[in-house]
Amino acid sequence: FPASDGLPVAFRLFAEGGFSVGAEWTAEGFAATIESLRGEPCFIVLPERLFDTPVYAYIAPKDGAFRRTEIKTAQLGRETVLDFSAICAEETLLLASRPIEELVCAAPAPTEPNGRMKRCGKAVLGG
């Protein structure tokens, strides 16, 4: 989430369990989308600094409109997580610090290709 220098942060990645995750954090708040590619259970751990921040959750089927959904919590080991285990394959979850009606979509920030390949064992990323 936001860099220590207060600059906005945005990323897109693939997560364990078959999820495509995109998130953006600015001074105004945050928004994250989690697309379920396989229908595996989805549990989300929020950073501690968000515990006092309101979180709004919406689910959309593929090519459908977002609808508000209840946020349930579960205990996994020592951590309290957000439980979206009912999300189905090809549904997208939206988590935001504001209601969807207040979100403003802007042009995406310019991106730059990675300067070099990143390696971890046999895995290679970027280029």
N, C-alpha and C. Protein backbone atom coordinates (compact mmCIF):
# COMPACT_ATOMS: atom_id res chain seq x y z
N PHE A 1 0.84 -1.19 0.00
CA PHE A 1 0.00 0.00 0.00
C PHE A 1 0.87 1.25 0.00
N PRO A 2 0.36 2.42 0.29
CA PRO A 2 1.11 3.62 -0.08
C PRO A 2 2.57 3.57 0.37
N ALA A 3 3.40 4.07 -0.51
CA ALA A 3 4.82 4.13 -0.20
C ALA A 3 5.02 5.07 0.98
N SER A 4 6.13 4.89 1.67
CA SER A 4 6.38 5.70 2.85
C SER A 4 6.51 7.18 2.51
N ASP A 5 6.82 7.49 1.25
CA ASP A 5 6.92 8.89 0.86
C ASP A 5 5.57 9.50 0.50
N GLY A 6 4.48 8.72 0.63
CA GLY A 6 3.13 9.23 0.41
C GLY A 6 2.70 9.24 -1.05
N LEU A 7 3.54 8.75 -1.96
CA LEU A 7 3.17 8.73 -3.37
C LEU A 7 2.12 7.66 -3.64
N PRO A 8 1.28 7.87 -4.66
CA PRO A 8 0.29 6.85 -5.00
C PRO A 8 0.99 5.55 -5.42
N VAL A 9 0.31 4.44 -5.20
CA VAL A 9 0.83 3.13 -5.55
C VAL A 9 -0.24 2.39 -6.34
N ALA A 10 0.17 1.71 -7.40
CA ALA A 10 -0.74 0.86 -8.16
C ALA A 10 0.02 -0.38 -8.60
N PHE A 11 -0.68 -1.53 -8.63
CA PHE A 11 -0.04 -2.75 -9.09
C PHE A 11 -1.09 -3.71 -9.64
N ARG A 12 -0.61 -4.68 -10.40
CA ARG A 12 -1.44 -5.77 -10.90
C ARG A 12 -0.58 -7.02 -10.80
N LEU A 13 -1.16 -8.11 -10.27
CA LEU A 13 -0.42 -9.35 -10.10
C LEU A 13 -1.37 -10.53 -10.12
N PHE A 14 -0.81 -11.71 -10.19
CA PHE A 14 -1.57 -12.94 -10.06
C PHE A 14 -1.26 -13.53 -8.69
N ALA A 15 -2.30 -13.98 -7.99
CA ALA A 15 -2.13 -14.48 -6.64
C ALA A 15 -2.45 -15.97 -6.57
N GLU A 16 -1.89 -16.60 -5.54
CA GLU A 16 -2.11 -18.02 -5.30
C GLU A 16 -3.60 -18.33 -5.26
N GLY A 17 -4.00 -19.42 -5.88
CA GLY A 17 -5.40 -19.84 -5.89
C GLY A 17 -6.13 -19.43 -7.16
N GLY A 18 -5.44 -18.78 -8.09
CA GLY A 18 -6.06 -18.42 -9.35
C GLY A 18 -6.79 -17.09 -9.31
N PHE A 19 -6.12 -16.06 -8.84
CA PHE A 19 -6.73 -14.72 -8.75
C PHE A 19 -5.86 -13.71 -9.48
N SER A 20 -6.51 -12.82 -10.20
CA SER A 20 -5.85 -11.67 -10.81
C SER A 20 -6.20 -10.47 -9.93
N VAL A 21 -5.19 -9.79 -9.40
CA VAL A 21 -5.40 -8.71 -8.44
C VAL A 21 -4.86 -7.41 -9.00
N GLY A 22 -5.67 -6.38 -8.93
CA GLY A 22 -5.23 -5.03 -9.29
C GLY A 22 -5.60 -4.10 -8.16
N ALA A 23 -4.70 -3.21 -7.78
CA ALA A 23 -5.01 -2.31 -6.67
C ALA A 23 -4.38 -0.95 -6.92
N GLU A 24 -5.04 0.06 -6.36
CA GLU A 24 -4.52 1.42 -6.42
C GLU A 24 -4.79 2.09 -5.09
N TRP A 25 -3.77 2.80 -4.59
CA TRP A 25 -3.87 3.52 -3.33
C TRP A 25 -3.41 4.94 -3.59
N THR A 26 -4.24 5.91 -3.25
CA THR A 26 -3.87 7.32 -3.38
C THR A 26 -4.16 8.01 -2.05
N ALA A 27 -3.92 9.29 -2.00
CA ALA A 27 -4.22 10.06 -0.78
C ALA A 27 -5.71 10.03 -0.49
N GLU A 28 -6.54 9.85 -1.52
CA GLU A 28 -7.99 9.84 -1.34
C GLU A 28 -8.54 8.50 -0.87
N GLY A 29 -7.79 7.43 -1.00
CA GLY A 29 -8.28 6.13 -0.57
C GLY A 29 -7.73 5.01 -1.43
N PHE A 30 -8.40 3.86 -1.40
CA PHE A 30 -7.92 2.71 -2.16
C PHE A 30 -9.07 2.03 -2.89
N ALA A 31 -8.71 1.29 -3.92
CA ALA A 31 -9.65 0.41 -4.63
C ALA A 31 -8.85 -0.80 -5.11
N ALA A 32 -9.42 -1.97 -4.99
CA ALA A 32 -8.76 -3.19 -5.44
C ALA A 32 -9.78 -4.08 -6.12
N THR A 33 -9.37 -4.71 -7.21
CA THR A 33 -10.22 -5.71 -7.85
C THR A 33 -9.52 -7.05 -7.76
N ILE A 34 -10.30 -8.07 -7.47
CA ILE A 34 -9.79 -9.43 -7.38
C ILE A 34 -10.67 -10.27 -8.29
N GLU A 35 -10.11 -10.76 -9.39
CA GLU A 35 -10.87 -11.59 -10.32
C GLU A 35 -10.55 -13.04 -10.03
N SER A 36 -11.61 -13.84 -9.82
CA SER A 36 -11.43 -15.26 -9.56
C SER A 36 -11.38 -15.99 -10.90
N LEU A 37 -10.24 -16.59 -11.20
CA LEU A 37 -10.08 -17.28 -12.47
C LEU A 37 -10.52 -18.74 -12.41
N ARG A 38 -10.51 -19.34 -11.20
CA ARG A 38 -10.84 -20.76 -11.06
C ARG A 38 -11.95 -21.04 -10.06
N GLY A 39 -12.41 -20.04 -9.31
CA GLY A 39 -13.46 -20.28 -8.33
C GLY A 39 -12.97 -20.82 -7.01
N GLU A 40 -11.68 -20.68 -6.72
CA GLU A 40 -11.13 -21.13 -5.43
C GLU A 40 -11.61 -20.18 -4.33
N PRO A 41 -11.64 -20.64 -3.07
CA PRO A 41 -12.02 -19.74 -1.97
C PRO A 41 -11.07 -18.55 -1.89
N CYS A 42 -11.62 -17.39 -1.59
CA CYS A 42 -10.83 -16.14 -1.54
C CYS A 42 -10.85 -15.60 -0.11
N PHE A 43 -9.66 -15.48 0.48
CA PHE A 43 -9.50 -14.89 1.81
C PHE A 43 -8.49 -13.76 1.68
N ILE A 44 -8.79 -12.61 2.28
CA ILE A 44 -7.95 -11.44 2.12
C ILE A 44 -7.50 -10.95 3.49
N VAL A 45 -6.20 -10.72 3.61
CA VAL A 45 -5.63 -10.16 4.83
C VAL A 45 -5.39 -8.67 4.54
N LEU A 46 -6.00 -7.81 5.34
CA LEU A 46 -5.79 -6.37 5.18
C LEU A 46 -4.64 -5.92 6.05
N PRO A 47 -3.87 -4.94 5.57
CA PRO A 47 -2.83 -4.36 6.43
C PRO A 47 -3.47 -3.75 7.67
N GLU A 48 -2.77 -3.79 8.79
CA GLU A 48 -3.31 -3.28 10.06
C GLU A 48 -3.81 -1.86 9.97
N ARG A 49 -3.15 -1.03 9.15
CA ARG A 49 -3.55 0.38 9.07
C ARG A 49 -4.95 0.55 8.48
N LEU A 50 -5.49 -0.50 7.86
CA LEU A 50 -6.84 -0.40 7.29
C LEU A 50 -7.93 -0.84 8.25
N PHE A 51 -7.58 -1.34 9.43
CA PHE A 51 -8.60 -1.83 10.35
C PHE A 51 -9.60 -0.76 10.75
N ASP A 52 -9.19 0.50 10.77
CA ASP A 52 -10.11 1.57 11.12
C ASP A 52 -10.69 2.28 9.91
N THR A 53 -10.41 1.78 8.71
CA THR A 53 -10.91 2.37 7.47
C THR A 53 -12.16 1.62 7.03
N PRO A 54 -13.22 2.34 6.64
CA PRO A 54 -14.38 1.60 6.11
C PRO A 54 -13.99 0.89 4.82
N VAL A 55 -14.49 -0.32 4.63
CA VAL A 55 -14.24 -1.08 3.41
C VAL A 55 -15.59 -1.46 2.83
N TYR A 56 -15.78 -1.14 1.55
CA TYR A 56 -17.01 -1.47 0.83
C TYR A 56 -16.68 -2.59 -0.14
N ALA A 57 -17.56 -3.59 -0.24
CA ALA A 57 -17.30 -4.74 -1.10
C ALA A 57 -18.44 -4.93 -2.09
N TYR A 58 -18.05 -5.25 -3.32
CA TYR A 58 -19.00 -5.48 -4.42
C TYR A 58 -18.52 -6.68 -5.21
N ILE A 59 -19.47 -7.42 -5.79
CA ILE A 59 -19.15 -8.57 -6.64
C ILE A 59 -19.85 -8.36 -7.97
N ALA A 60 -19.17 -8.74 -9.05
CA ALA A 60 -19.76 -8.67 -10.38
C ALA A 60 -19.48 -9.97 -11.12
N PRO A 61 -20.51 -10.58 -11.73
CA PRO A 61 -20.25 -11.73 -12.59
C PRO A 61 -19.55 -11.23 -13.86
N LYS A 62 -18.98 -12.14 -14.62
CA LYS A 62 -18.32 -11.74 -15.86
C LYS A 62 -19.31 -10.95 -16.72
N ASP A 63 -18.89 -9.80 -17.20
CA ASP A 63 -19.72 -8.92 -18.04
C ASP A 63 -20.99 -8.47 -17.34
N GLY A 64 -20.98 -8.36 -16.01
CA GLY A 64 -22.16 -7.91 -15.27
C GLY A 64 -21.85 -6.69 -14.42
N ALA A 65 -22.89 -6.12 -13.85
CA ALA A 65 -22.74 -4.93 -13.01
C ALA A 65 -22.38 -5.34 -11.58
N PHE A 66 -21.62 -4.48 -10.90
CA PHE A 66 -21.26 -4.74 -9.51
C PHE A 66 -22.47 -4.59 -8.61
N ARG A 67 -22.61 -5.51 -7.64
CA ARG A 67 -23.66 -5.42 -6.62
C ARG A 67 -22.98 -5.52 -5.26
N ARG A 68 -23.52 -4.80 -4.30
CA ARG A 68 -22.94 -4.78 -2.94
C ARG A 68 -23.01 -6.18 -2.35
N THR A 69 -22.00 -6.55 -1.60
CA THR A 69 -21.97 -7.85 -0.94
C THR A 69 -21.53 -7.67 0.51
N GLU A 70 -21.94 -8.57 1.34
CA GLU A 70 -21.61 -8.52 2.76
C GLU A 70 -20.15 -8.91 2.97
N ILE A 71 -19.51 -8.25 3.91
CA ILE A 71 -18.13 -8.60 4.27
C ILE A 71 -18.18 -9.49 5.51
N LYS A 72 -17.71 -10.72 5.35
CA LYS A 72 -17.63 -11.65 6.47
C LYS A 72 -16.17 -11.79 6.86
N THR A 73 -15.93 -12.10 8.11
CA THR A 73 -14.56 -12.35 8.55
C THR A 73 -14.44 -13.79 9.00
N ALA A 74 -13.22 -14.29 8.98
CA ALA A 74 -12.93 -15.64 9.43
C ALA A 74 -11.58 -15.60 10.13
N GLN A 75 -11.31 -16.61 10.92
CA GLN A 75 -10.04 -16.72 11.62
C GLN A 75 -9.23 -17.81 10.92
N LEU A 76 -8.07 -17.45 10.37
CA LEU A 76 -7.15 -18.42 9.79
C LEU A 76 -5.86 -18.35 10.60
N GLY A 77 -5.65 -19.34 11.43
CA GLY A 77 -4.51 -19.30 12.33
C GLY A 77 -4.69 -18.13 13.29
N ARG A 78 -3.69 -17.26 13.34
CA ARG A 78 -3.76 -16.09 14.22
C ARG A 78 -4.35 -14.87 13.54
N GLU A 79 -4.59 -14.95 12.25
CA GLU A 79 -5.03 -13.78 11.51
C GLU A 79 -6.54 -13.75 11.29
N THR A 80 -7.11 -12.57 11.41
CA THR A 80 -8.50 -12.36 11.02
C THR A 80 -8.47 -11.92 9.56
N VAL A 81 -9.23 -12.60 8.72
CA VAL A 81 -9.22 -12.33 7.28
C VAL A 81 -10.63 -12.00 6.81
N LEU A 82 -10.70 -11.32 5.68
CA LEU A 82 -11.99 -11.11 5.01
C LEU A 82 -12.29 -12.39 4.25
N ASP A 83 -13.50 -12.91 4.42
CA ASP A 83 -13.89 -14.20 3.85
C ASP A 83 -14.81 -13.99 2.65
N PHE A 84 -14.28 -14.18 1.46
CA PHE A 84 -15.08 -14.13 0.24
C PHE A 84 -15.04 -15.50 -0.42
N SER A 85 -15.14 -16.55 0.39
CA SER A 85 -15.02 -17.91 -0.13
C SER A 85 -16.15 -18.29 -1.07
N ALA A 86 -17.23 -17.52 -1.10
CA ALA A 86 -18.36 -17.84 -1.98
C ALA A 86 -18.19 -17.27 -3.39
N ILE A 87 -17.11 -16.56 -3.66
CA ILE A 87 -16.91 -16.00 -4.99
C ILE A 87 -16.75 -17.14 -5.99
N CYS A 88 -17.37 -17.00 -7.14
CA CYS A 88 -17.35 -18.04 -8.17
C CYS A 88 -16.33 -17.73 -9.25
N ALA A 89 -16.00 -18.73 -10.04
CA ALA A 89 -15.08 -18.53 -11.16
C ALA A 89 -15.63 -17.44 -12.06
N GLU A 90 -14.73 -16.61 -12.54
CA GLU A 90 -15.01 -15.51 -13.46
C GLU A 90 -15.82 -14.37 -12.83
N GLU A 91 -15.96 -14.36 -11.51
CA GLU A 91 -16.54 -13.20 -10.84
C GLU A 91 -15.41 -12.28 -10.40
N THR A 92 -15.73 -11.00 -10.28
CA THR A 92 -14.75 -10.02 -9.83
C THR A 92 -15.24 -9.37 -8.55
N LEU A 93 -14.36 -9.27 -7.59
CA LEU A 93 -14.64 -8.63 -6.32
C LEU A 93 -13.99 -7.26 -6.35
N LEU A 94 -14.71 -6.23 -5.91
CA LEU A 94 -14.18 -4.88 -5.79
C LEU A 94 -14.20 -4.51 -4.32
N LEU A 95 -13.06 -4.12 -3.79
CA LEU A 95 -12.96 -3.60 -2.42
C LEU A 95 -12.53 -2.15 -2.55
N ALA A 96 -13.20 -1.26 -1.83
CA ALA A 96 -12.87 0.16 -1.93
C ALA A 96 -13.08 0.85 -0.60
N SER A 97 -12.42 1.98 -0.44
CA SER A 97 -12.55 2.76 0.79
C SER A 97 -13.73 3.73 0.71
N ARG A 98 -14.41 3.75 -0.43
CA ARG A 98 -15.60 4.58 -0.61
C ARG A 98 -16.68 3.78 -1.32
N PRO A 99 -17.93 4.18 -1.18
CA PRO A 99 -18.98 3.49 -1.94
C PRO A 99 -18.73 3.63 -3.44
N ILE A 100 -19.17 2.67 -4.20
CA ILE A 100 -18.91 2.63 -5.63
C ILE A 100 -19.42 3.89 -6.34
N GLU A 101 -20.49 4.48 -5.83
CA GLU A 101 -21.05 5.68 -6.46
C GLU A 101 -20.10 6.87 -6.38
N GLU A 102 -19.17 6.85 -5.42
CA GLU A 102 -18.24 7.95 -5.23
C GLU A 102 -16.89 7.74 -5.93
N LEU A 103 -16.66 6.54 -6.48
CA LEU A 103 -15.38 6.27 -7.12
C LEU A 103 -15.30 7.00 -8.46
N VAL A 104 -14.15 7.54 -8.74
CA VAL A 104 -13.92 8.24 -10.00
C VAL A 104 -12.85 7.47 -10.76
N CYS A 105 -13.18 7.06 -11.98
CA CYS A 105 -12.20 6.36 -12.80
C CYS A 105 -11.43 7.37 -13.62
N ALA A 106 -10.13 7.31 -13.54
CA ALA A 106 -9.27 8.21 -14.30
C ALA A 106 -8.44 7.38 -15.27
N ALA A 107 -7.78 8.08 -16.16
CA ALA A 107 -6.89 7.38 -17.09
C ALA A 107 -5.80 6.67 -16.31
N PRO A 108 -5.44 5.46 -16.72
CA PRO A 108 -4.39 4.76 -15.98
C PRO A 108 -3.07 5.52 -16.05
N ALA A 109 -2.28 5.36 -15.02
CA ALA A 109 -0.97 6.00 -14.98
C ALA A 109 -0.08 5.39 -16.05
N PRO A 110 0.82 6.17 -16.62
CA PRO A 110 1.72 5.61 -17.63
C PRO A 110 2.59 4.52 -17.01
N THR A 111 2.89 3.53 -17.79
CA THR A 111 3.71 2.42 -17.30
C THR A 111 5.01 2.36 -18.07
N GLU A 112 5.96 1.70 -17.49
CA GLU A 112 7.25 1.48 -18.13
C GLU A 112 7.55 -0.01 -18.06
N PRO A 113 8.14 -0.55 -19.12
CA PRO A 113 8.54 -1.96 -19.03
C PRO A 113 9.66 -2.12 -18.02
N ASN A 114 9.77 -3.32 -17.48
CA ASN A 114 10.86 -3.61 -16.57
C ASN A 114 12.19 -3.36 -17.26
N GLY A 115 13.15 -2.82 -16.53
CA GLY A 115 14.46 -2.56 -17.10
C GLY A 115 15.25 -3.84 -17.33
N ARG A 116 14.96 -4.86 -16.55
CA ARG A 116 15.68 -6.13 -16.69
C ARG A 116 14.79 -7.25 -16.17
N MET A 117 15.16 -8.46 -16.53
CA MET A 117 14.43 -9.64 -16.08
C MET A 117 14.70 -9.85 -14.59
N LYS A 118 13.67 -10.31 -13.87
CA LYS A 118 13.84 -10.68 -12.46
C LYS A 118 13.81 -12.20 -12.38
N ARG A 119 14.71 -12.77 -11.61
CA ARG A 119 14.78 -14.23 -11.49
C ARG A 119 14.67 -14.64 -10.03
N CYS A 120 13.98 -15.75 -9.82
CA CYS A 120 13.88 -16.35 -8.49
C CYS A 120 13.87 -17.86 -8.72
N GLY A 121 14.97 -18.51 -8.49
CA GLY A 121 15.05 -19.94 -8.80
C GLY A 121 14.90 -20.12 -10.30
N LYS A 122 13.93 -20.92 -10.73
CA LYS A 122 13.69 -21.15 -12.15
C LYS A 122 12.70 -20.16 -12.74
N ALA A 123 12.03 -19.39 -11.88
CA ALA A 123 11.03 -18.44 -12.34
C ALA A 123 11.68 -17.18 -12.89
N VAL A 124 11.10 -16.63 -13.97
CA VAL A 124 11.60 -15.40 -14.58
C VAL A 124 10.42 -14.49 -14.80
N LEU A 125 10.57 -13.20 -14.45
CA LEU A 125 9.50 -12.23 -14.59
C LEU A 125 10.03 -10.98 -15.27
N GLY A 126 9.26 -10.43 -16.19
CA GLY A 126 9.60 -9.16 -16.83
C GLY A 126 10.46 -9.33 -18.05
N GLY A 127 10.95 -8.20 -18.51
CA GLY A 127 11.83 -8.25 -19.66
C GLY A 127 11.46 -7.25 -20.69
